[in-house]
């Protein structure tokens, strides 16, 4: 019983710490955002394995003054799922999440699609920054998972 209480307290402590870490920094929404229609979809397990190949993820960044222009090809999400960018800057680290608009859907389609996602996000603090682009899946059927799809150093200018 004592050991169970320790695990419960440890879980609560980790949850609280995660909340403060995850919620630190201001969220920056995209200024321009474009999501293609489904480029390739599948409910076939073989095609799903091909689509899940991490080498298919192609993300490029372009600096435009104090903003970043993101082009993400072969972004795999559920069919008919709307996605967005959410960016946070903490010091010289910029984290850009590519994630569903609805992170807690009550029902989902039974297929995956690849999309091309483009957008402009910022402004960010000028200087040399490390940009992490992370793809997050929704929380349907448990907790969502995430995958880093790009980590790159960029020099951001100060002109907005």
N, C-alpha and C. Protein backbone atom coordinates (compact mmCIF):
# COMPACT_ATOMS: atom_id res chain seq x y z
N UNK A 1 0.82 -1.19 0.00
CA UNK A 1 0.00 0.00 0.00
C UNK A 1 0.87 1.26 0.00
N UNK A 2 1.95 1.24 0.83
CA UNK A 2 2.85 2.38 0.89
C UNK A 2 3.52 2.63 -0.46
N UNK A 3 3.90 1.53 -1.12
CA UNK A 3 4.56 1.66 -2.41
C UNK A 3 3.60 2.26 -3.45
N UNK A 4 2.34 1.90 -3.38
CA UNK A 4 1.34 2.45 -4.31
C UNK A 4 1.20 3.95 -4.09
N UNK A 5 1.18 4.40 -2.83
CA UNK A 5 1.08 5.83 -2.53
C UNK A 5 2.28 6.58 -3.09
N UNK A 6 3.45 5.98 -3.01
CA UNK A 6 4.65 6.63 -3.54
C UNK A 6 4.52 6.80 -5.05
N UNK A 7 4.03 5.76 -5.74
CA UNK A 7 3.85 5.85 -7.19
C UNK A 7 2.80 6.89 -7.55
N UNK A 8 1.73 6.98 -6.80
CA UNK A 8 0.69 7.97 -7.06
C UNK A 8 1.26 9.37 -6.88
N UNK A 9 2.00 9.59 -5.81
CA UNK A 9 2.60 10.91 -5.57
C UNK A 9 3.63 11.25 -6.64
N UNK A 10 4.43 10.27 -7.02
CA UNK A 10 5.43 10.49 -8.07
C UNK A 10 4.74 10.84 -9.39
N UNK A 11 3.66 10.13 -9.72
CA UNK A 11 2.92 10.42 -10.93
C UNK A 11 2.36 11.84 -10.91
N UNK A 12 1.78 12.23 -9.78
CA UNK A 12 1.24 13.59 -9.66
C UNK A 12 2.32 14.65 -9.81
N UNK A 13 3.48 14.41 -9.19
CA UNK A 13 4.59 15.36 -9.29
C UNK A 13 5.06 15.49 -10.73
N UNK A 14 5.22 14.37 -11.42
CA UNK A 14 5.66 14.40 -12.81
C UNK A 14 4.61 15.10 -13.68
N UNK A 15 3.34 14.85 -13.42
CA UNK A 15 2.27 15.49 -14.19
C UNK A 15 2.29 17.01 -14.00
N UNK A 16 2.48 17.45 -12.79
CA UNK A 16 2.53 18.89 -12.51
C UNK A 16 3.74 19.53 -13.17
N UNK A 17 4.89 18.88 -13.08
CA UNK A 17 6.10 19.41 -13.74
C UNK A 17 5.90 19.47 -15.25
N UNK A 18 5.34 18.42 -15.83
CA UNK A 18 5.11 18.42 -17.26
C UNK A 18 4.18 19.56 -17.66
N UNK A 19 3.14 19.81 -16.87
CA UNK A 19 2.21 20.90 -17.16
C UNK A 19 2.94 22.24 -17.21
N UNK A 20 3.79 22.51 -16.22
CA UNK A 20 4.50 23.79 -16.19
C UNK A 20 5.51 23.90 -17.32
N UNK A 21 6.18 22.81 -17.65
CA UNK A 21 7.14 22.85 -18.75
C UNK A 21 6.41 23.02 -20.07
N UNK A 22 5.35 22.26 -20.28
CA UNK A 22 4.61 22.32 -21.54
C UNK A 22 3.92 23.66 -21.74
N UNK A 23 3.53 24.31 -20.66
CA UNK A 23 2.78 25.56 -20.78
C UNK A 23 3.66 26.79 -20.71
N UNK A 24 4.97 26.61 -20.57
CA UNK A 24 5.84 27.78 -20.52
C UNK A 24 6.05 28.31 -21.93
N UNK A 25 6.26 29.60 -22.05
CA UNK A 25 6.44 30.21 -23.36
C UNK A 25 5.10 30.58 -23.95
N UNK A 26 5.12 31.58 -24.81
CA UNK A 26 3.89 32.02 -25.46
C UNK A 26 3.68 31.24 -26.75
N UNK A 27 2.45 30.84 -26.99
CA UNK A 27 2.14 30.16 -28.24
C UNK A 27 2.00 31.19 -29.34
N UNK A 28 2.55 30.86 -30.50
CA UNK A 28 2.49 31.73 -31.67
C UNK A 28 1.75 30.97 -32.76
N UNK A 29 0.62 31.50 -33.21
CA UNK A 29 -0.18 30.85 -34.24
C UNK A 29 0.31 31.27 -35.62
N UNK A 30 0.03 30.47 -36.64
CA UNK A 30 0.49 30.82 -37.99
C UNK A 30 -0.25 32.02 -38.55
N UNK A 31 0.47 32.83 -39.35
CA UNK A 31 -0.15 33.96 -40.03
C UNK A 31 -0.81 33.48 -41.31
N UNK A 32 -0.07 32.74 -42.09
CA UNK A 32 -0.58 32.15 -43.32
C UNK A 32 -0.49 30.64 -43.13
N UNK A 33 -1.51 29.93 -43.58
CA UNK A 33 -1.50 28.49 -43.41
C UNK A 33 -2.26 27.85 -44.55
N UNK A 34 -1.69 26.78 -45.10
CA UNK A 34 -2.31 26.08 -46.22
C UNK A 34 -2.10 24.58 -46.04
N UNK A 35 -3.18 23.82 -46.14
CA UNK A 35 -3.11 22.36 -46.06
C UNK A 35 -3.71 21.79 -47.34
N UNK A 36 -2.93 20.96 -48.03
CA UNK A 36 -3.43 20.35 -49.26
C UNK A 36 -4.52 19.34 -48.93
N UNK A 37 -5.20 18.89 -49.97
CA UNK A 37 -6.08 17.75 -49.81
C UNK A 37 -5.23 16.50 -49.65
N UNK A 38 -5.86 15.41 -49.41
CA UNK A 38 -5.16 14.14 -49.22
C UNK A 38 -4.39 13.79 -50.49
N UNK A 39 -3.08 13.64 -50.37
CA UNK A 39 -2.24 13.30 -51.52
C UNK A 39 -2.21 11.79 -51.71
N UNK A 40 -2.07 11.06 -50.62
CA UNK A 40 -2.07 9.60 -50.67
C UNK A 40 -2.73 9.11 -49.39
N UNK A 41 -3.63 8.15 -49.52
CA UNK A 41 -4.30 7.63 -48.33
C UNK A 41 -4.23 6.12 -48.33
N UNK A 42 -4.47 5.55 -47.15
CA UNK A 42 -4.41 4.11 -47.08
C UNK A 42 -5.11 3.56 -45.86
N UNK A 43 -5.75 2.44 -46.06
CA UNK A 43 -6.17 1.59 -44.95
C UNK A 43 -5.50 0.23 -45.11
N UNK A 44 -4.71 0.09 -46.19
CA UNK A 44 -3.95 -1.13 -46.46
C UNK A 44 -2.71 -1.14 -45.56
N UNK A 45 -2.50 -2.18 -44.73
CA UNK A 45 -1.36 -2.21 -43.81
C UNK A 45 -0.01 -2.06 -44.50
N UNK A 46 0.16 -2.61 -45.72
CA UNK A 46 1.43 -2.48 -46.42
C UNK A 46 1.70 -1.04 -46.79
N UNK A 47 0.69 -0.34 -47.33
CA UNK A 47 0.87 1.06 -47.69
C UNK A 47 1.07 1.91 -46.44
N UNK A 48 0.42 1.58 -45.34
CA UNK A 48 0.62 2.32 -44.10
C UNK A 48 2.08 2.24 -43.67
N UNK A 49 2.70 1.06 -43.80
CA UNK A 49 4.12 0.92 -43.44
C UNK A 49 4.99 1.80 -44.33
N UNK A 50 4.69 1.85 -45.62
CA UNK A 50 5.46 2.71 -46.54
C UNK A 50 5.28 4.17 -46.15
N UNK A 51 4.03 4.59 -45.87
CA UNK A 51 3.76 5.97 -45.50
C UNK A 51 4.41 6.33 -44.17
N UNK A 52 4.57 5.35 -43.28
CA UNK A 52 5.15 5.61 -41.96
C UNK A 52 6.66 5.72 -42.00
N UNK A 53 7.27 5.45 -43.15
CA UNK A 53 8.72 5.53 -43.29
C UNK A 53 9.17 6.96 -42.98
N UNK A 54 10.03 7.15 -41.94
CA UNK A 54 10.43 8.50 -41.56
C UNK A 54 11.18 9.26 -42.64
N UNK A 55 11.77 8.56 -43.59
CA UNK A 55 12.50 9.27 -44.65
C UNK A 55 11.55 9.99 -45.60
N UNK A 56 10.26 9.70 -45.54
CA UNK A 56 9.28 10.39 -46.38
C UNK A 56 8.99 11.81 -45.88
N UNK A 57 9.16 12.06 -44.58
CA UNK A 57 8.92 13.39 -44.04
C UNK A 57 9.94 14.36 -44.64
N UNK A 58 9.46 15.42 -45.26
CA UNK A 58 10.34 16.43 -45.85
C UNK A 58 9.91 17.80 -45.37
N UNK A 59 10.75 18.42 -44.54
CA UNK A 59 10.43 19.73 -43.99
C UNK A 59 11.54 20.70 -44.39
N UNK A 60 11.14 21.84 -44.92
CA UNK A 60 12.11 22.90 -45.21
C UNK A 60 11.67 24.18 -44.52
N UNK A 61 12.66 24.95 -44.10
CA UNK A 61 12.43 26.25 -43.45
C UNK A 61 13.06 27.34 -44.29
N UNK A 62 12.42 28.48 -44.31
CA UNK A 62 12.97 29.66 -44.97
C UNK A 62 12.74 30.84 -44.03
N UNK A 63 13.78 31.63 -43.82
CA UNK A 63 13.66 32.81 -42.95
C UNK A 63 13.17 33.98 -43.78
N UNK A 64 12.17 34.69 -43.24
CA UNK A 64 11.63 35.89 -43.86
C UNK A 64 11.57 36.97 -42.79
N UNK A 65 12.67 37.69 -42.61
CA UNK A 65 12.76 38.68 -41.54
C UNK A 65 12.72 37.99 -40.19
N UNK A 66 11.71 38.30 -39.37
CA UNK A 66 11.56 37.69 -38.04
C UNK A 66 10.61 36.48 -38.09
N UNK A 67 10.27 36.03 -39.29
CA UNK A 67 9.31 34.95 -39.46
C UNK A 67 9.97 33.73 -40.10
N UNK A 68 9.33 32.58 -39.93
CA UNK A 68 9.76 31.35 -40.59
C UNK A 68 8.65 30.89 -41.52
N UNK A 69 9.04 30.50 -42.71
CA UNK A 69 8.10 29.90 -43.66
C UNK A 69 8.41 28.40 -43.67
N UNK A 70 7.39 27.61 -43.40
CA UNK A 70 7.55 26.16 -43.27
C UNK A 70 6.85 25.47 -44.43
N UNK A 71 7.54 24.51 -45.02
CA UNK A 71 6.96 23.68 -46.07
C UNK A 71 7.18 22.23 -45.65
N UNK A 72 6.11 21.54 -45.33
CA UNK A 72 6.17 20.16 -44.83
C UNK A 72 5.44 19.26 -45.82
N UNK A 73 6.21 18.42 -46.51
CA UNK A 73 5.63 17.49 -47.46
C UNK A 73 5.59 16.09 -46.86
N UNK A 74 4.61 15.32 -47.24
CA UNK A 74 4.38 13.96 -46.75
C UNK A 74 4.08 13.95 -45.25
N UNK A 75 3.35 14.96 -44.79
CA UNK A 75 2.92 15.01 -43.38
C UNK A 75 1.76 14.04 -43.22
N UNK A 76 1.95 13.03 -42.40
CA UNK A 76 0.95 11.97 -42.28
C UNK A 76 0.05 12.22 -41.07
N UNK A 77 -1.25 12.36 -41.37
CA UNK A 77 -2.28 12.51 -40.35
C UNK A 77 -3.47 11.67 -40.79
N UNK A 78 -4.53 11.69 -40.01
CA UNK A 78 -5.74 10.94 -40.37
C UNK A 78 -6.40 11.59 -41.59
N UNK A 79 -7.13 10.78 -42.34
CA UNK A 79 -7.87 11.31 -43.48
C UNK A 79 -8.88 12.37 -42.99
N UNK A 80 -9.01 13.43 -43.74
CA UNK A 80 -9.95 14.53 -43.45
C UNK A 80 -9.66 15.25 -42.13
N UNK A 81 -8.44 15.15 -41.62
CA UNK A 81 -8.10 15.81 -40.36
C UNK A 81 -7.44 17.16 -40.64
N UNK A 82 -8.01 18.21 -40.08
CA UNK A 82 -7.42 19.55 -40.21
C UNK A 82 -6.27 19.68 -39.23
N UNK A 83 -5.16 20.25 -39.70
CA UNK A 83 -3.99 20.43 -38.85
C UNK A 83 -3.58 21.89 -38.82
N UNK A 84 -2.67 22.24 -37.92
CA UNK A 84 -2.20 23.60 -37.78
C UNK A 84 -0.77 23.59 -37.24
N UNK A 85 -0.14 24.75 -37.22
CA UNK A 85 1.15 24.94 -36.56
C UNK A 85 0.90 25.64 -35.23
N UNK A 86 1.61 25.23 -34.22
CA UNK A 86 1.66 25.99 -32.96
C UNK A 86 3.13 26.13 -32.63
N UNK A 87 3.60 27.36 -32.47
CA UNK A 87 5.02 27.61 -32.22
C UNK A 87 5.23 28.24 -30.85
N UNK A 88 6.35 27.90 -30.25
CA UNK A 88 6.76 28.48 -28.97
C UNK A 88 8.24 28.80 -29.05
N UNK A 89 8.63 29.92 -28.43
CA UNK A 89 10.04 30.25 -28.36
C UNK A 89 10.43 30.40 -26.90
N UNK A 90 11.48 29.73 -26.52
CA UNK A 90 12.03 29.84 -25.17
C UNK A 90 13.53 30.04 -25.32
N UNK A 91 13.98 31.28 -25.07
CA UNK A 91 15.39 31.61 -25.30
C UNK A 91 15.68 31.51 -26.78
N UNK A 92 16.71 30.73 -27.13
CA UNK A 92 17.06 30.58 -28.54
C UNK A 92 16.57 29.24 -29.12
N UNK A 93 15.55 28.67 -28.50
CA UNK A 93 14.94 27.43 -28.98
C UNK A 93 13.52 27.73 -29.46
N UNK A 94 13.26 27.41 -30.71
CA UNK A 94 11.91 27.56 -31.27
C UNK A 94 11.38 26.15 -31.52
N UNK A 95 10.22 25.86 -30.97
CA UNK A 95 9.58 24.57 -31.20
C UNK A 95 8.29 24.82 -31.97
N UNK A 96 8.17 24.15 -33.09
CA UNK A 96 6.97 24.28 -33.93
C UNK A 96 6.29 22.92 -33.96
N UNK A 97 5.07 22.88 -33.43
CA UNK A 97 4.28 21.66 -33.44
C UNK A 97 3.38 21.67 -34.65
N UNK A 98 3.38 20.60 -35.41
CA UNK A 98 2.43 20.40 -36.49
C UNK A 98 1.47 19.36 -35.94
N UNK A 99 0.22 19.78 -35.72
CA UNK A 99 -0.70 18.91 -34.99
C UNK A 99 -2.13 19.14 -35.44
N UNK A 100 -3.00 18.16 -35.14
CA UNK A 100 -4.41 18.35 -35.47
C UNK A 100 -5.02 19.54 -34.72
N UNK A 101 -5.96 20.20 -35.36
CA UNK A 101 -6.68 21.29 -34.69
C UNK A 101 -7.43 20.72 -33.50
N UNK A 102 -8.08 19.57 -33.68
CA UNK A 102 -8.81 18.90 -32.60
C UNK A 102 -7.93 17.77 -32.07
N UNK A 103 -7.30 18.00 -30.94
CA UNK A 103 -6.40 17.00 -30.36
C UNK A 103 -7.16 15.89 -29.62
N UNK A 104 -8.44 16.09 -29.35
CA UNK A 104 -9.23 15.11 -28.62
C UNK A 104 -10.53 14.77 -29.37
N UNK A 105 -10.40 14.18 -30.57
CA UNK A 105 -11.61 13.88 -31.34
C UNK A 105 -12.41 12.76 -30.69
N UNK A 106 -13.73 12.82 -30.84
CA UNK A 106 -14.58 11.77 -30.28
C UNK A 106 -14.67 10.57 -31.23
N UNK A 107 -14.44 10.80 -32.52
CA UNK A 107 -14.38 9.71 -33.48
C UNK A 107 -13.38 10.10 -34.57
N UNK A 108 -12.84 9.09 -35.25
CA UNK A 108 -11.84 9.34 -36.29
C UNK A 108 -12.10 8.44 -37.49
N UNK A 109 -11.52 8.82 -38.63
CA UNK A 109 -11.59 7.96 -39.81
C UNK A 109 -10.62 6.80 -39.63
N UNK A 110 -10.80 5.77 -40.40
CA UNK A 110 -9.93 4.59 -40.28
C UNK A 110 -8.91 4.55 -41.40
N UNK A 111 -8.35 5.70 -41.72
CA UNK A 111 -7.30 5.74 -42.74
C UNK A 111 -6.37 6.90 -42.45
N UNK A 112 -5.20 6.84 -43.04
CA UNK A 112 -4.21 7.91 -42.94
C UNK A 112 -4.05 8.57 -44.30
N UNK A 113 -3.68 9.85 -44.28
CA UNK A 113 -3.41 10.60 -45.51
C UNK A 113 -2.08 11.32 -45.37
N UNK A 114 -1.46 11.55 -46.51
CA UNK A 114 -0.29 12.42 -46.54
C UNK A 114 -0.73 13.76 -47.12
N UNK A 115 -0.27 14.82 -46.47
CA UNK A 115 -0.61 16.18 -46.86
C UNK A 115 0.65 16.99 -47.11
N UNK A 116 0.51 18.07 -47.86
CA UNK A 116 1.54 19.11 -47.91
C UNK A 116 1.00 20.27 -47.09
N UNK A 117 1.80 20.71 -46.13
CA UNK A 117 1.38 21.77 -45.22
C UNK A 117 2.39 22.91 -45.33
N UNK A 118 1.89 24.11 -45.55
CA UNK A 118 2.75 25.29 -45.70
C UNK A 118 2.22 26.39 -44.80
N UNK A 119 3.13 27.20 -44.27
CA UNK A 119 2.68 28.32 -43.46
C UNK A 119 3.80 29.24 -43.06
N UNK A 120 3.42 30.38 -42.56
CA UNK A 120 4.34 31.39 -42.07
C UNK A 120 4.01 31.62 -40.61
N UNK A 121 5.02 31.58 -39.76
CA UNK A 121 4.79 31.73 -38.33
C UNK A 121 5.85 32.66 -37.74
N UNK A 122 5.48 33.40 -36.71
CA UNK A 122 6.38 34.34 -36.07
C UNK A 122 5.57 35.51 -35.56
N UNK A 123 6.19 36.59 -35.15
CA UNK A 123 7.62 36.87 -35.21
C UNK A 123 8.39 36.19 -34.07
N UNK A 124 9.67 35.95 -34.34
CA UNK A 124 10.56 35.36 -33.36
C UNK A 124 11.66 36.34 -33.01
N UNK A 125 12.30 36.10 -31.87
CA UNK A 125 13.41 36.95 -31.45
C UNK A 125 14.58 36.77 -32.43
N UNK A 126 15.25 37.88 -32.78
CA UNK A 126 16.35 37.77 -33.73
C UNK A 126 17.55 37.05 -33.12
N UNK A 127 18.37 36.51 -34.02
CA UNK A 127 19.59 35.81 -33.61
C UNK A 127 19.61 34.39 -34.12
N UNK A 128 20.63 33.65 -33.70
CA UNK A 128 20.74 32.25 -34.09
C UNK A 128 19.86 31.41 -33.17
N UNK A 129 18.96 30.68 -33.76
CA UNK A 129 17.99 29.87 -33.01
C UNK A 129 18.03 28.44 -33.50
N UNK A 130 17.76 27.51 -32.61
CA UNK A 130 17.56 26.11 -32.98
C UNK A 130 16.06 25.91 -33.14
N UNK A 131 15.68 25.42 -34.32
CA UNK A 131 14.26 25.19 -34.60
C UNK A 131 14.00 23.68 -34.59
N UNK A 132 13.05 23.27 -33.78
CA UNK A 132 12.61 21.88 -33.73
C UNK A 132 11.19 21.83 -34.29
N UNK A 133 10.99 21.05 -35.33
CA UNK A 133 9.65 20.85 -35.88
C UNK A 133 9.20 19.46 -35.44
N UNK A 134 8.07 19.40 -34.74
CA UNK A 134 7.58 18.15 -34.16
C UNK A 134 6.17 17.88 -34.66
N UNK A 135 5.98 16.68 -35.21
CA UNK A 135 4.65 16.25 -35.63
C UNK A 135 3.98 15.55 -34.45
N UNK A 136 2.78 16.02 -34.09
CA UNK A 136 2.02 15.43 -32.98
C UNK A 136 0.74 14.80 -33.52
N UNK A 137 0.43 13.61 -33.03
CA UNK A 137 -0.82 12.97 -33.39
C UNK A 137 -1.86 13.25 -32.31
N UNK A 138 -3.12 13.06 -32.64
CA UNK A 138 -4.19 13.34 -31.68
C UNK A 138 -4.19 12.32 -30.54
N UNK A 139 -5.02 12.58 -29.56
CA UNK A 139 -5.07 11.75 -28.34
C UNK A 139 -6.13 10.66 -28.40
N UNK A 140 -6.69 10.39 -29.59
CA UNK A 140 -7.71 9.35 -29.70
C UNK A 140 -7.10 8.00 -29.31
N UNK A 141 -7.83 7.22 -28.56
CA UNK A 141 -7.38 5.88 -28.12
C UNK A 141 -6.13 5.96 -27.26
N UNK A 142 -6.06 6.93 -26.40
CA UNK A 142 -4.91 7.05 -25.50
C UNK A 142 -4.18 8.35 -25.71
N UNK A 143 -2.97 8.40 -25.25
CA UNK A 143 -2.19 9.63 -25.39
C UNK A 143 -1.59 9.72 -26.77
N UNK A 144 -1.56 10.91 -27.30
CA UNK A 144 -0.95 11.14 -28.60
C UNK A 144 0.55 10.99 -28.52
N UNK A 145 1.13 10.65 -29.63
CA UNK A 145 2.58 10.54 -29.66
C UNK A 145 3.11 11.64 -30.56
N UNK A 146 4.41 11.83 -30.54
CA UNK A 146 5.01 12.87 -31.36
C UNK A 146 6.31 12.37 -31.95
N UNK A 147 6.77 13.09 -32.96
CA UNK A 147 7.99 12.70 -33.65
C UNK A 147 8.68 13.97 -34.13
N UNK A 148 9.96 14.11 -33.82
CA UNK A 148 10.73 15.24 -34.34
C UNK A 148 11.01 14.98 -35.81
N UNK A 149 10.60 15.92 -36.67
CA UNK A 149 10.81 15.75 -38.11
C UNK A 149 11.89 16.67 -38.66
N UNK A 150 12.32 17.65 -37.86
CA UNK A 150 13.40 18.53 -38.29
C UNK A 150 14.02 19.21 -37.08
N UNK A 151 15.34 19.31 -37.08
CA UNK A 151 16.06 20.11 -36.09
C UNK A 151 17.14 20.84 -36.87
N UNK A 152 17.07 22.19 -36.81
CA UNK A 152 17.95 22.99 -37.67
C UNK A 152 18.25 24.32 -37.00
N UNK A 153 19.49 24.79 -37.15
CA UNK A 153 19.86 26.12 -36.68
C UNK A 153 19.57 27.12 -37.78
N UNK A 154 18.95 28.24 -37.40
CA UNK A 154 18.64 29.30 -38.37
C UNK A 154 18.99 30.66 -37.76
N UNK A 155 19.36 31.59 -38.64
CA UNK A 155 19.60 32.96 -38.21
C UNK A 155 18.37 33.78 -38.57
N UNK A 156 17.73 34.31 -37.55
CA UNK A 156 16.50 35.08 -37.75
C UNK A 156 16.83 36.56 -37.64
N UNK A 157 16.36 37.32 -38.64
CA UNK A 157 16.56 38.76 -38.65
C UNK A 157 15.57 39.45 -37.75
N UNK A 158 15.71 40.74 -37.60
CA UNK A 158 14.85 41.48 -36.69
C UNK A 158 13.73 42.23 -37.36
N UNK A 159 13.68 42.21 -38.68
CA UNK A 159 12.63 42.97 -39.37
C UNK A 159 11.35 42.16 -39.43
N UNK A 160 10.27 42.75 -38.95
CA UNK A 160 8.97 42.05 -38.99
C UNK A 160 8.28 42.30 -40.29
